[in-house]
Amino acid sequence: MTLVSLQWVYPMVLFLLPLIVLPWLSRQQEKTVVWSNFVPVDPLSNVIGFILKSLASLVIACLILALAQPYIPEQKIERVGAGSEVVLLVDRSRSMDDAFAIKGQLLMASVGKSDSKRRVAKKYLLEFINKRPDDRFGFVLFSDKAVDLLPLTYNKEAVRATINANALGKGLSETNITKALITAANMYDGQAYRGSRIVLLVSDGGREISEEAKRKIAGLYQRENISLYWLYMRSVTGMTLDEATGDNRRWTETPERKLHTFFKSIGVPYKAFEIESVKTFSEAMDAIDKQQYQTLIIEETLPREMKVKPLYITAIIAMLLLVLAQIYTVWGVKKAGE
């Protein structure tokens, strides 16, 4: 750190710096002696006097600089880490208020309860974020519309607050998966490529996508080099994404299956996880966590750093030395007079 790199809250105070010459302007007593050789030469006293005056000037300088409040301005730095850039694409439709589908057991809707898909998703998304300190996260919420609530950021507190807010209230009736996928991909538009890019879709269903929309989505995801993960949170009546045996037209025509087939065809890395319980959700997040640790260029914003404390410490130490010197002088005069 140098003075050139510092900025000042009150730069006008620096005009008081010439006051540091005051200790050197103290009036010297002039004495007339018969013969100058009577005055002994004392180099040690001259050195001590110089040191004490320098300490006094240092105290004045430190106090003036501290009053001007120096600081290092906010700056951005880049470092190499391991992780990914992740856009959380979370379904806010009404069906996300239902409970998970558990094989062999019928569950009633649990709007607002802790076992609802939305509440469980919140819990494990927060855990996922806490385990990945170097990741940059964005957040897109969608139902009938897609809203990019949070642009890509390293601010984990902002991401956590957004996820917690998403878990409040009730969901909406419609789902526009087309707009959601496009909005998530556009999060990376104009961003410098720093490493692995992910769109993490958390949803319990699919919708029909037009051929034109399919071409647009595929082009966006290929251009931005995005990997796609789908956490398919099955409902009680939800269809599995696994291959059906035999000629099952009802299975092949479901929106979820069509969406799954489309994702596999867009030419980017894609994996779907069928979430049927809290355990499978946890396992899916652990699997993604292990797969997506790649070299990532991380841009950090360092906040303004005040540099007042070192100046006050230096002034206190110098003043303490001056006080000790004064005490020693008084003691010496007293001893000489005895």
C-alpha atoms as a PDB file:
ATOM      1  CA  MET A   1       0.000   0.000   0.000  1.00  0.00           C
ATOM      2  CA  THR A   2       1.295   3.460  -0.915  1.00  0.00           C
ATOM      3  CA  LEU A   3      -0.079   6.959  -0.429  1.00  0.00           C
ATOM      4  CA  VAL A   4      -0.688   7.093  -4.176  1.00  0.00           C
ATOM      5  CA  SER A   5      -3.120   4.150  -3.952  1.00  0.00           C
ATOM      6  CA  LEU A   6      -5.139   5.787  -1.175  1.00  0.00           C
ATOM      7  CA  GLN A   7      -8.168   8.011  -1.483  1.00  0.00           C
ATOM      8  CA  TRP A   8      -9.422  10.414   1.141  1.00  0.00           C
ATOM      9  CA  VAL A   9     -12.830  11.139   2.627  1.00  0.00           C
ATOM     10  CA  TYR A  10     -11.796  14.671   3.654  1.00  0.00           C
ATOM     11  CA  PRO A  11      -8.848  15.611   1.420  1.00  0.00           C
ATOM     12  CA  MET A  12      -8.961  19.289   2.466  1.00  0.00           C
ATOM     13  CA  VAL A  13      -7.589  18.306   5.878  1.00  0.00           C
ATOM     14  CA  LEU A  14      -4.284  17.436   4.173  1.00  0.00           C
ATOM     15  CA  PHE A  15      -3.568  21.153   3.808  1.00  0.00           C
ATOM     16  CA  LEU A  16      -2.729  21.079   7.553  1.00  0.00           C
ATOM     17  CA  LEU A  17       0.308  18.863   6.946  1.00  0.00           C
ATOM     18  CA  PRO A  18       2.785  21.796   7.026  1.00  0.00           C
ATOM     19  CA  LEU A  19       2.103  21.889  10.782  1.00  0.00           C
ATOM     20  CA  ILE A  20       4.590  19.033  11.146  1.00  0.00           C
ATOM     21  CA  VAL A  21       7.415  21.631  11.155  1.00  0.00           C
ATOM     22  CA  LEU A  22       6.208  23.119  14.475  1.00  0.00           C
ATOM     23  CA  PRO A  23       8.486  20.962  16.668  1.00  0.00           C
ATOM     24  CA  TRP A  24      11.469  22.276  14.691  1.00  0.00           C
ATOM     25  CA  LEU A  25      10.491  25.911  15.212  1.00  0.00           C
ATOM     26  CA  SER A  26      10.601  25.865  19.002  1.00  0.00           C
ATOM     27  CA  ARG A  27      12.464  28.874  20.399  1.00  0.00           C
ATOM     28  CA  GLN A  28      16.044  28.160  21.373  1.00  0.00           C
ATOM     29  CA  GLN A  29      17.494  29.849  24.445  1.00  0.00           C
ATOM     30  CA  GLU A  30      20.553  31.920  23.569  1.00  0.00           C
ATOM     31  CA  LYS A  31      23.268  32.202  26.170  1.00  0.00           C
ATOM     32  CA  THR A  32      26.362  34.341  26.107  1.00  0.00           C
ATOM     33  CA  VAL A  33      29.484  32.607  27.230  1.00  0.00           C
ATOM     34  CA  VAL A  34      32.978  34.022  27.724  1.00  0.00           C
ATOM     35  CA  TRP A  35      34.608  31.370  25.681  1.00  0.00           C
ATOM     36  CA  SER A  36      32.851  28.966  23.346  1.00  0.00           C
ATOM     37  CA  ASN A  37      35.212  26.174  24.321  1.00  0.00           C
ATOM     38  CA  PHE A  38      33.493  26.136  27.708  1.00  0.00           C
ATOM     39  CA  VAL A  39      30.441  24.589  25.983  1.00  0.00           C
ATOM     40  CA  PRO A  40      31.034  20.850  25.724  1.00  0.00           C
ATOM     41  CA  VAL A  41      30.252  19.007  22.506  1.00  0.00           C
ATOM     42  CA  ASP A  42      27.519  16.377  23.204  1.00  0.00           C
ATOM     43  CA  PRO A  43      26.655  14.403  19.998  1.00  0.00           C
ATOM     44  CA  LEU A  44      24.360  12.044  21.919  1.00  0.00           C
ATOM     45  CA  SER A  45      22.176  14.908  23.104  1.00  0.00           C
ATOM     46  CA  ASN A  46      21.954  16.247  19.540  1.00  0.00           C
ATOM     47  CA  VAL A  47      20.834  12.813  18.276  1.00  0.00           C
ATOM     48  CA  ILE A  48      18.255  12.454  21.048  1.00  0.00           C
ATOM     49  CA  GLY A  49      16.917  15.942  20.348  1.00  0.00           C
ATOM     50  CA  PHE A  50      16.572  15.127  16.660  1.00  0.00           C
ATOM     51  CA  ILE A  51      14.735  11.887  17.423  1.00  0.00           C
ATOM     52  CA  LEU A  52      12.287  13.593  19.812  1.00  0.00           C
ATOM     53  CA  LYS A  53      11.472  16.324  17.311  1.00  0.00           C
ATOM     54  CA  SER A  54      10.974  13.718  14.599  1.00  0.00           C
ATOM     55  CA  LEU A  55       8.592  11.790  16.861  1.00  0.00           C
ATOM     56  CA  ALA A  56       6.593  14.961  17.531  1.00  0.00           C
ATOM     57  CA  SER A  57       6.336  15.643  13.787  1.00  0.00           C
ATOM     58  CA  LEU A  58       5.266  12.048  13.228  1.00  0.00           C
ATOM     59  CA  VAL A  59       2.456  12.391  15.793  1.00  0.00           C
ATOM     60  CA  ILE A  60       1.147  15.543  14.104  1.00  0.00           C
ATOM     61  CA  ALA A  61       1.354  13.963  10.631  1.00  0.00           C
ATOM     62  CA  CYS A  62      -0.452  10.764  11.700  1.00  0.00           C
ATOM     63  CA  LEU A  63      -3.269  12.691  13.399  1.00  0.00           C
ATOM     64  CA  ILE A  64      -3.790  14.940  10.363  1.00  0.00           C
ATOM     65  CA  LEU A  65      -3.791  11.963   7.982  1.00  0.00           C
ATOM     66  CA  ALA A  66      -6.228  10.097  10.240  1.00  0.00           C
ATOM     67  CA  LEU A  67      -8.597  13.082  10.289  1.00  0.00           C
ATOM     68  CA  ALA A  68      -8.562  13.032   6.468  1.00  0.00           C
ATOM     69  CA  GLN A  69      -9.752   9.367   6.684  1.00  0.00           C
ATOM     70  CA  PRO A  70      -7.707   7.513   4.055  1.00  0.00           C
ATOM     71  CA  TYR A  71      -9.132   4.384   2.411  1.00  0.00           C
ATOM     72  CA  ILE A  72      -8.468   1.910  -0.369  1.00  0.00           C
ATOM     73  CA  PRO A  73     -11.412   2.197  -2.796  1.00  0.00           C
ATOM     74  CA  GLU A  74     -13.636  -0.700  -3.790  1.00  0.00           C
ATOM     75  CA  GLN A  75     -11.913  -2.867  -6.381  1.00  0.00           C
ATOM     76  CA  LYS A  76     -12.562  -6.000  -8.386  1.00  0.00           C
ATOM     77  CA  ILE A  77     -10.089  -8.838  -8.536  1.00  0.00           C
ATOM     78  CA  GLU A  78     -10.044 -12.125 -10.413  1.00  0.00           C
ATOM     79  CA  ARG A  79      -8.864 -15.440  -9.024  1.00  0.00           C
ATOM     80  CA  VAL A  80      -9.027 -19.058 -10.124  1.00  0.00           C
ATOM     81  CA  GLY A  81     -11.377 -21.343  -8.195  1.00  0.00           C
ATOM     82  CA  ALA A  82     -13.399 -24.505  -8.686  1.00  0.00           C
ATOM     83  CA  GLY A  83     -17.141 -24.452  -9.275  1.00  0.00           C
ATOM     84  CA  SER A  84     -19.755 -23.270 -11.764  1.00  0.00           C
ATOM     85  CA  GLU A  85     -22.089 -20.470 -12.715  1.00  0.00           C
ATOM     86  CA  VAL A  86     -25.591 -21.652 -11.882  1.00  0.00           C
ATOM     87  CA  VAL A  87     -28.978 -20.217 -12.796  1.00  0.00           C
ATOM     88  CA  LEU A  88     -31.675 -21.647 -10.525  1.00  0.00           C
ATOM     89  CA  LEU A  89     -34.847 -21.962 -12.595  1.00  0.00           C
ATOM     90  CA  VAL A  90     -37.618 -22.679 -10.083  1.00  0.00           C
ATOM     91  CA  ASP A  91     -41.243 -23.558 -10.832  1.00  0.00           C
ATOM     92  CA  ARG A  92     -43.757 -21.480  -8.849  1.00  0.00           C
ATOM     93  CA  SER A  93     -46.897 -23.164 -10.129  1.00  0.00           C
ATOM     94  CA  ARG A  94     -49.628 -24.319  -7.762  1.00  0.00           C
ATOM     95  CA  SER A  95     -48.701 -27.985  -8.144  1.00  0.00           C
ATOM     96  CA  MET A  96     -45.386 -27.283  -6.363  1.00  0.00           C
ATOM     97  CA  ASP A  97     -47.442 -26.847  -3.179  1.00  0.00           C
ATOM     98  CA  ASP A  98     -48.355 -30.554  -3.289  1.00  0.00           C
ATOM     99  CA  ALA A  99     -46.453 -33.310  -1.523  1.00  0.00           C
ATOM    100  CA  PHE A 100     -44.050 -35.716  -3.171  1.00  0.00           C
ATOM    101  CA  ALA A 101     -45.253 -38.894  -4.825  1.00  0.00           C
ATOM    102  CA  ILE A 102     -44.268 -41.823  -2.652  1.00  0.00           C
ATOM    103  CA  LYS A 103     -44.709 -45.251  -4.168  1.00  0.00           C
ATOM    104  CA  GLY A 104     -47.450 -47.259  -2.492  1.00  0.00           C
ATOM    105  CA  GLN A 105     -48.760 -44.343  -0.490  1.00  0.00           C
ATOM    106  CA  LEU A 106     -51.348 -41.719  -1.397  1.00  0.00           C
ATOM    107  CA  LEU A 107     -50.610 -38.211  -0.155  1.00  0.00           C
ATOM    108  CA  MET A 108     -53.002 -35.314   0.023  1.00  0.00           C
ATOM    109  CA  ALA A 109     -52.013 -31.809  -1.067  1.00  0.00           C
ATOM    110  CA  SER A 110     -50.000 -30.057   1.609  1.00  0.00           C
ATOM    111  CA  VAL A 111     -50.065 -26.388   0.734  1.00  0.00           C
ATOM    112  CA  GLY A 112     -47.698 -24.481   2.955  1.00  0.00           C
ATOM    113  CA  LYS A 113     -46.595 -27.563   4.928  1.00  0.00           C
ATOM    114  CA  SER A 114     -43.013 -28.643   5.391  1.00  0.00           C
ATOM    115  CA  ASP A 115     -43.390 -31.672   3.071  1.00  0.00           C
ATOM    116  CA  SER A 116     -44.551 -29.665   0.066  1.00  0.00           C
ATOM    117  CA  LYS A 117     -42.265 -29.873  -2.953  1.00  0.00           C
ATOM    118  CA  ARG A 118     -41.625 -26.125  -2.827  1.00  0.00           C
ATOM    119  CA  ARG A 119     -40.532 -26.170   0.835  1.00  0.00           C
ATOM    120  CA  VAL A 120     -38.296 -29.209   0.395  1.00  0.00           C
ATOM    121  CA  ALA A 121     -36.742 -27.666  -2.708  1.00  0.00           C
ATOM    122  CA  LYS A 122     -35.947 -24.532  -0.694  1.00  0.00           C
ATOM    123  CA  LYS A 123     -34.169 -26.538   1.999  1.00  0.00           C
ATOM    124  CA  TYR A 124     -31.896 -28.456  -0.351  1.00  0.00           C
ATOM    125  CA  LEU A 125     -31.177 -25.531  -2.654  1.00  0.00           C
ATOM    126  CA  LEU A 126     -29.921 -23.610   0.380  1.00  0.00           C
ATOM    127  CA  GLU A 127     -27.693 -26.531   1.344  1.00  0.00           C
ATOM    128  CA  PHE A 128     -26.381 -26.718  -2.232  1.00  0.00           C
ATOM    129  CA  ILE A 129     -25.440 -23.031  -2.152  1.00  0.00           C
ATOM    130  CA  ASN A 130     -23.737 -23.306   1.229  1.00  0.00           C
ATOM    131  CA  LYS A 131     -21.509 -26.125  -0.062  1.00  0.00           C
ATOM    132  CA  ARG A 132     -20.308 -24.169  -3.101  1.00  0.00           C
ATOM    133  CA  PRO A 133     -18.514 -20.985  -1.976  1.00  0.00           C
ATOM    134  CA  ASP A 134     -16.941 -20.222  -5.370  1.00  0.00           C
ATOM    135  CA  ASP A 135     -20.113 -20.510  -7.474  1.00  0.00           C
ATOM    136  CA  ARG A 136     -21.958 -17.568  -8.978  1.00  0.00           C
ATOM    137  CA  PHE A 137     -25.747 -17.887  -8.794  1.00  0.00           C
ATOM    138  CA  GLY A 138     -28.714 -16.355 -10.566  1.00  0.00           C
ATOM    139  CA  PHE A 139     -32.398 -16.959  -9.871  1.00  0.00           C
ATOM    140  CA  VAL A 140     -35.359 -17.145 -12.256  1.00  0.00           C
ATOM    141  CA  LEU A 141     -38.892 -17.727 -10.980  1.00  0.00           C
ATOM    142  CA  PHE A 142     -41.595 -18.847 -13.398  1.00  0.00           C
ATOM    143  CA  SER A 143     -45.270 -19.713 -13.584  1.00  0.00           C
ATOM    144  CA  ASP A 144     -47.306 -18.110 -16.370  1.00  0.00           C
ATOM    145  CA  LYS A 145     -44.434 -15.614 -16.700  1.00  0.00           C
ATOM    146  CA  ALA A 146     -40.700 -15.864 -16.069  1.00  0.00           C
ATOM    147  CA  VAL A 147     -39.088 -13.306 -13.778  1.00  0.00           C
ATOM    148  CA  ASP A 148     -35.310 -12.975 -13.464  1.00  0.00           C
ATOM    149  CA  LEU A 149     -35.344 -12.070  -9.780  1.00  0.00           C
ATOM    150  CA  LEU A 150     -31.590 -12.096  -9.245  1.00  0.00           C
ATOM    151  CA  PRO A 151     -28.830 -11.653 -11.848  1.00  0.00           C
ATOM    152  CA  LEU A 152     -25.678 -13.741 -11.585  1.00  0.00           C
ATOM    153  CA  THR A 153     -23.912 -12.785  -8.366  1.00  0.00           C
ATOM    154  CA  TYR A 154     -21.371 -14.019  -5.837  1.00  0.00           C
ATOM    155  CA  ASN A 155     -23.446 -12.530  -3.022  1.00  0.00           C
ATOM    156  CA  LYS A 156     -24.646 -15.669  -1.240  1.00  0.00           C
ATOM    157  CA  GLU A 157     -26.787 -13.710   1.218  1.00  0.00           C
ATOM    158  CA  ALA A 158     -28.802 -12.255  -1.663  1.00  0.00           C
ATOM    159  CA  VAL A 159     -29.256 -15.727  -3.180  1.00  0.00           C
ATOM    160  CA  ARG A 160     -30.392 -17.216   0.138  1.00  0.00           C
ATOM    161  CA  ALA A 161     -32.863 -14.378   0.700  1.00  0.00           C
ATOM    162  CA  THR A 162     -34.332 -14.885  -2.782  1.00  0.00           C
ATOM    163  CA  ILE A 163     -34.776 -18.629  -2.243  1.00  0.00           C
ATOM    164  CA  ASN A 164     -36.416 -18.065   1.138  1.00  0.00           C
ATOM    165  CA  ALA A 165     -38.783 -15.502  -0.340  1.00  0.00           C
ATOM    166  CA  ASN A 166     -39.739 -17.933  -3.100  1.00  0.00           C
ATOM    167  CA  ALA A 167     -41.011 -20.413  -0.488  1.00  0.00           C
ATOM    168  CA  LEU A 168     -43.609 -17.957   0.852  1.00  0.00           C
ATOM    169  CA  GLY A 169     -47.268 -17.817  -0.180  1.00  0.00           C
ATOM    170  CA  LYS A 170     -49.126 -19.973  -2.693  1.00  0.00           C
ATOM    171  CA  GLY A 171     -48.317 -20.871  -6.267  1.00  0.00           C
ATOM    172  CA  LEU A 172     -50.052 -19.768  -9.461  1.00  0.00           C
ATOM    173  CA  SER A 173     -52.057 -21.905 -11.820  1.00  0.00           C
ATOM    174  CA  GLU A 174     -50.200 -21.590 -15.146  1.00  0.00           C
ATOM    175  CA  THR A 175     -46.713 -22.693 -16.245  1.00  0.00           C
ATOM    176  CA  ASN A 176     -44.791 -21.152 -19.143  1.00  0.00           C
ATOM    177  CA  ILE A 177     -41.750 -23.393 -19.488  1.00  0.00           C
ATOM    178  CA  THR A 178     -40.764 -21.869 -22.850  1.00  0.00           C
ATOM    179  CA  LYS A 179     -40.351 -18.364 -21.490  1.00  0.00           C
ATOM    180  CA  ALA A 180     -38.604 -19.732 -18.403  1.00  0.00           C
ATOM    181  CA  LEU A 181     -35.940 -21.613 -20.387  1.00  0.00           C
ATOM    182  CA  ILE A 182     -35.250 -18.597 -22.608  1.00  0.00           C
ATOM    183  CA  THR A 183     -35.017 -16.196 -19.650  1.00  0.00           C
ATOM    184  CA  ALA A 184     -32.575 -18.509 -17.848  1.00  0.00           C
ATOM    185  CA  ALA A 185     -30.298 -18.762 -20.900  1.00  0.00           C
ATOM    186  CA  ASN A 186     -30.399 -14.997 -21.405  1.00  0.00           C
ATOM    187  CA  MET A 187     -28.876 -14.605 -17.942  1.00  0.00           C
ATOM    188  CA  TYR A 188     -25.550 -15.478 -19.579  1.00  0.00           C
ATOM    189  CA  ASP A 189     -26.013 -13.164 -22.559  1.00  0.00           C
ATOM    190  CA  GLY A 190     -23.222 -10.596 -22.670  1.00  0.00           C
ATOM    191  CA  GLN A 191     -21.391 -12.237 -19.747  1.00  0.00           C
ATOM    192  CA  ALA A 192     -17.713 -13.097 -20.057  1.00  0.00           C
ATOM    193  CA  TYR A 193     -17.274 -16.871 -20.194  1.00  0.00           C
ATOM    194  CA  ARG A 194     -15.634 -17.856 -16.902  1.00  0.00           C
ATOM    195  CA  GLY A 195     -16.144 -21.626 -16.799  1.00  0.00           C
ATOM    196  CA  SER A 196     -18.899 -24.192 -16.361  1.00  0.00           C
ATOM    197  CA  ARG A 197     -22.433 -22.837 -16.923  1.00  0.00           C
ATOM    198  CA  ILE A 198     -25.543 -24.570 -15.599  1.00  0.00           C
ATOM    199  CA  VAL A 199     -29.292 -24.074 -15.708  1.00  0.00           C
ATOM    200  CA  LEU A 200     -30.841 -26.031 -12.831  1.00  0.00           C
ATOM    201  CA  LEU A 201     -34.539 -26.530 -13.551  1.00  0.00           C
ATOM    202  CA  VAL A 202     -36.675 -27.397 -10.509  1.00  0.00           C
ATOM    203  CA  SER A 203     -40.154 -28.291 -11.736  1.00  0.00           C
ATOM    204  CA  ASP A 204     -42.847 -30.943 -11.418  1.00  0.00           C
ATOM    205  CA  GLY A 205     -44.193 -30.915 -14.949  1.00  0.00           C
ATOM    206  CA  GLY A 206     -43.810 -29.936 -18.570  1.00  0.00           C
ATOM    207  CA  ARG A 207     -45.725 -28.037 -21.244  1.00  0.00           C
ATOM    208  CA  GLU A 208     -45.936 -28.225 -24.996  1.00  0.00           C
ATOM    209  CA  ILE A 209     -43.218 -26.237 -26.788  1.00  0.00           C
ATOM    210  CA  SER A 210     -43.640 -25.058 -30.368  1.00  0.00           C
ATOM    211  CA  GLU A 211     -41.109 -26.002 -33.018  1.00  0.00           C
ATOM    212  CA  GLU A 212     -40.014 -22.379 -33.379  1.00  0.00           C
ATOM    213  CA  ALA A 213     -39.452 -22.114 -29.606  1.00  0.00           C
ATOM    214  CA  LYS A 214     -37.508 -25.371 -29.643  1.00  0.00           C
ATOM    215  CA  ARG A 215     -35.119 -24.046 -32.266  1.00  0.00           C
ATOM    216  CA  LYS A 216     -34.636 -20.816 -30.327  1.00  0.00           C
ATOM    217  CA  ILE A 217     -33.995 -22.599 -27.038  1.00  0.00           C
ATOM    218  CA  ALA A 218     -31.552 -25.062 -28.607  1.00  0.00           C
ATOM    219  CA  GLY A 219     -29.658 -22.225 -30.294  1.00  0.00           C
ATOM    220  CA  LEU A 220     -29.410 -20.223 -27.050  1.00  0.00           C
ATOM    221  CA  TYR A 221     -28.152 -23.138 -24.958  1.00  0.00           C
ATOM    222  CA  GLN A 222     -25.605 -24.165 -27.575  1.00  0.00           C
ATOM    223  CA  ARG A 223     -24.367 -20.612 -28.085  1.00  0.00           C
ATOM    224  CA  GLU A 224     -23.931 -19.961 -24.365  1.00  0.00           C
ATOM    225  CA  ASN A 225     -22.440 -23.433 -23.744  1.00  0.00           C
ATOM    226  CA  ILE A 226     -24.936 -24.273 -20.984  1.00  0.00           C
ATOM    227  CA  SER A 227     -25.414 -27.610 -19.228  1.00  0.00           C
ATOM    228  CA  LEU A 228     -29.006 -28.408 -18.256  1.00  0.00           C
ATOM    229  CA  TYR A 229     -30.201 -30.317 -15.214  1.00  0.00           C
ATOM    230  CA  TRP A 230     -33.845 -31.081 -14.529  1.00  0.00           C
ATOM    231  CA  LEU A 231     -34.992 -31.949 -11.023  1.00  0.00           C
ATOM    232  CA  TYR A 232     -38.333 -33.486 -11.977  1.00  0.00           C
ATOM    233  CA  MET A 233     -40.383 -33.413  -8.782  1.00  0.00           C
ATOM    234  CA  ARG A 234     -43.060 -36.009  -9.403  1.00  0.00           C
ATOM    235  CA  SER A 235     -46.563 -35.506  -8.103  1.00  0.00           C
ATOM    236  CA  VAL A 236     -48.869 -38.286  -6.929  1.00  0.00           C
ATOM    237  CA  THR A 237     -50.310 -38.500 -10.457  1.00  0.00           C
ATOM    238  CA  GLY A 238     -47.043 -37.584 -12.164  1.00  0.00           C
ATOM    239  CA  MET A 239     -45.639 -39.742 -14.966  1.00  0.00           C
ATOM    240  CA  THR A 240     -42.161 -41.217 -14.763  1.00  0.00           C
ATOM    241  CA  LEU A 241     -39.562 -40.140 -17.311  1.00  0.00           C
ATOM    242  CA  ASP A 242     -38.221 -43.688 -17.678  1.00  0.00           C
ATOM    243  CA  GLU A 243     -38.728 -45.536 -20.931  1.00  0.00           C
ATOM    244  CA  ALA A 244     -42.120 -47.278 -21.064  1.00  0.00           C
ATOM    245  CA  THR A 245     -42.399 -50.892 -22.128  1.00  0.00           C
ATOM    246  CA  GLY A 246     -44.626 -51.813 -25.029  1.00  0.00           C
ATOM    247  CA  ASP A 247     -46.874 -49.472 -26.974  1.00  0.00           C
ATOM    248  CA  ASN A 248     -47.967 -46.952 -24.382  1.00  0.00           C
ATOM    249  CA  ARG A 249     -49.356 -43.966 -26.248  1.00  0.00           C
ATOM    250  CA  ARG A 250     -50.568 -42.294 -23.070  1.00  0.00           C
ATOM    251  CA  TRP A 251     -47.025 -42.335 -21.710  1.00  0.00           C
ATOM    252  CA  THR A 252     -45.318 -41.079 -24.879  1.00  0.00           C
ATOM    253  CA  GLU A 253     -47.760 -38.176 -25.290  1.00  0.00           C
ATOM    254  CA  THR A 254     -47.357 -36.694 -21.803  1.00  0.00           C
ATOM    255  CA  PRO A 255     -45.883 -33.162 -21.711  1.00  0.00           C
ATOM    256  CA  GLU A 256     -43.202 -34.252 -19.218  1.00  0.00           C
ATOM    257  CA  ARG A 257     -41.977 -37.016 -21.496  1.00  0.00           C
ATOM    258  CA  LYS A 258     -41.990 -34.735 -24.564  1.00  0.00           C
ATOM    259  CA  LEU A 259     -40.024 -32.098 -22.626  1.00  0.00           C
ATOM    260  CA  HIS A 260     -37.537 -34.732 -21.500  1.00  0.00           C
ATOM    261  CA  THR A 261     -37.092 -35.946 -25.090  1.00  0.00           C
ATOM    262  CA  PHE A 262     -36.586 -32.366 -26.298  1.00  0.00           C
ATOM    263  CA  PHE A 263     -33.931 -31.675 -23.665  1.00  0.00           C
ATOM    264  CA  LYS A 264     -31.978 -34.712 -24.812  1.00  0.00           C
ATOM    265  CA  SER A 265     -32.050 -33.463 -28.401  1.00  0.00           C
ATOM    266  CA  ILE A 266     -30.785 -29.870 -28.012  1.00  0.00           C
ATOM    267  CA  GLY A 267     -27.107 -30.794 -28.203  1.00  0.00           C
ATOM    268  CA  VAL A 268     -25.904 -29.721 -24.753  1.00  0.00           C
ATOM    269  CA  PRO A 269     -25.039 -31.792 -21.647  1.00  0.00           C
ATOM    270  CA  TYR A 270     -28.327 -32.769 -19.992  1.00  0.00           C
ATOM    271  CA  LYS A 271     -29.397 -34.978 -17.126  1.00  0.00           C
ATOM    272  CA  ALA A 272     -32.767 -35.484 -15.444  1.00  0.00           C
ATOM    273  CA  PHE A 273     -33.308 -36.574 -11.855  1.00  0.00           C
ATOM    274  CA  GLU A 274     -36.693 -37.974 -10.871  1.00  0.00           C
ATOM    275  CA  ILE A 275     -37.414 -36.655  -7.396  1.00  0.00           C
ATOM    276  CA  GLU A 276     -39.888 -38.796  -5.488  1.00  0.00           C
ATOM    277  CA  SER A 277     -38.867 -38.036  -1.900  1.00  0.00           C
ATOM    278  CA  VAL A 278     -36.645 -35.955   0.310  1.00  0.00           C
ATOM    279  CA  LYS A 279     -33.962 -38.631  -0.010  1.00  0.00           C
ATOM    280  CA  THR A 280     -33.910 -38.601  -3.819  1.00  0.00           C
ATOM    281  CA  PHE A 281     -33.769 -34.796  -3.824  1.00  0.00           C
ATOM    282  CA  SER A 282     -30.753 -34.895  -1.523  1.00  0.00           C
ATOM    283  CA  GLU A 283     -29.048 -37.531  -3.677  1.00  0.00           C
ATOM    284  CA  ALA A 284     -29.663 -35.518  -6.846  1.00  0.00           C
ATOM    285  CA  MET A 285     -28.137 -32.369  -5.351  1.00  0.00           C
ATOM    286  CA  ASP A 286     -25.110 -34.358  -4.156  1.00  0.00           C
ATOM    287  CA  ALA A 287     -24.652 -35.813  -7.642  1.00  0.00           C
ATOM    288  CA  ILE A 288     -24.750 -32.364  -9.271  1.00  0.00           C
ATOM    289  CA  ASP A 289     -22.392 -31.018  -6.626  1.00  0.00           C
ATOM    290  CA  LYS A 290     -19.795 -33.702  -7.398  1.00  0.00           C
ATOM    291  CA  GLN A 291     -20.069 -33.367 -11.179  1.00  0.00           C
ATOM    292  CA  GLN A 292     -19.837 -29.598 -11.479  1.00  0.00           C
ATOM    293  CA  TYR A 293     -16.474 -28.691  -9.986  1.00  0.00           C
ATOM    294  CA  GLN A 294     -14.501 -27.257 -12.863  1.00  0.00           C
ATOM    295  CA  THR A 295     -11.874 -24.535 -13.061  1.00  0.00           C
ATOM    296  CA  LEU A 296     -13.645 -21.206 -12.804  1.00  0.00           C
ATOM    297  CA  ILE A 297     -12.373 -17.632 -13.051  1.00  0.00           C
ATOM    298  CA  ILE A 298     -13.961 -15.865 -10.089  1.00  0.00           C
ATOM    299  CA  GLU A 299     -14.466 -12.125  -9.987  1.00  0.00           C
ATOM    300  CA  GLU A 300     -14.628 -10.757  -6.470  1.00  0.00           C
ATOM    301  CA  THR A 301     -15.519  -7.249  -5.358  1.00  0.00           C
ATOM    302  CA  LEU A 302     -13.420  -6.103  -2.431  1.00  0.00           C
ATOM    303  CA  PRO A 303     -15.232  -3.443  -0.363  1.00  0.00           C
ATOM    304  CA  ARG A 304     -13.749  -0.102   0.608  1.00  0.00           C
ATOM    305  CA  GLU A 305     -11.069  -0.593   3.272  1.00  0.00           C
ATOM    306  CA  MET A 306     -10.440   2.219   5.753  1.00  0.00           C
ATOM    307  CA  LYS A 307      -6.787   2.795   6.739  1.00  0.00           C
ATOM    308  CA  VAL A 308      -7.248   5.017   9.804  1.00  0.00           C
ATOM    309  CA  LYS A 309      -6.368   2.459  12.475  1.00  0.00           C
ATOM    310  CA  PRO A 310      -2.624   2.090  11.588  1.00  0.00           C
ATOM    311  CA  LEU A 311      -2.247   5.879  11.754  1.00  0.00           C
ATOM    312  CA  TYR A 312      -3.773   6.091  15.232  1.00  0.00           C
ATOM    313  CA  ILE A 313      -1.622   3.193  16.463  1.00  0.00           C
ATOM    314  CA  THR A 314       1.546   4.863  15.131  1.00  0.00           C
ATOM    315  CA  ALA A 315       0.593   8.183  16.760  1.00  0.00           C
ATOM    316  CA  ILE A 316      -0.078   6.504  20.128  1.00  0.00           C
ATOM    317  CA  ILE A 317       3.293   4.695  20.095  1.00  0.00           C
ATOM    318  CA  ALA A 318       5.159   7.898  19.189  1.00  0.00           C
ATOM    319  CA  MET A 319       3.313   9.875  21.888  1.00  0.00           C
ATOM    320  CA  LEU A 320       4.126   7.178  24.451  1.00  0.00           C
ATOM    321  CA  LEU A 321       7.837   7.494  23.635  1.00  0.00           C
ATOM    322  CA  LEU A 322       7.622  11.278  24.001  1.00  0.00           C
ATOM    323  CA  VAL A 323       5.887  10.940  27.362  1.00  0.00           C
ATOM    324  CA  LEU A 324       8.549   8.514  28.593  1.00  0.00           C
ATOM    325  CA  ALA A 325      11.273  10.907  27.438  1.00  0.00           C
ATOM    326  CA  GLN A 326       9.593  13.764  29.326  1.00  0.00           C
ATOM    327  CA  ILE A 327       9.259  11.671  32.487  1.00  0.00           C
ATOM    328  CA  TYR A 328      12.938  10.737  32.267  1.00  0.00           C
ATOM    329  CA  THR A 329      13.889  14.407  31.859  1.00  0.00           C
ATOM    330  CA  VAL A 330      11.933  15.421  34.971  1.00  0.00           C
ATOM    331  CA  TRP A 331      13.497  12.558  36.908  1.00  0.00           C
ATOM    332  CA  GLY A 332      17.005  13.557  35.752  1.00  0.00           C
ATOM    333  CA  VAL A 333      16.533  17.189  36.751  1.00  0.00           C
ATOM    334  CA  LYS A 334      15.274  16.104  40.166  1.00  0.00           C
ATOM    335  CA  LYS A 335      18.271  13.819  40.683  1.00  0.00           C
ATOM    336  CA  ALA A 336      20.684  16.563  39.593  1.00  0.00           C
ATOM    337  CA  GLY A 337      19.232  18.956  42.159  1.00  0.00           C
ATOM    338  CA  GLU A 338      19.722  16.580  45.050  1.00  0.00           C
END
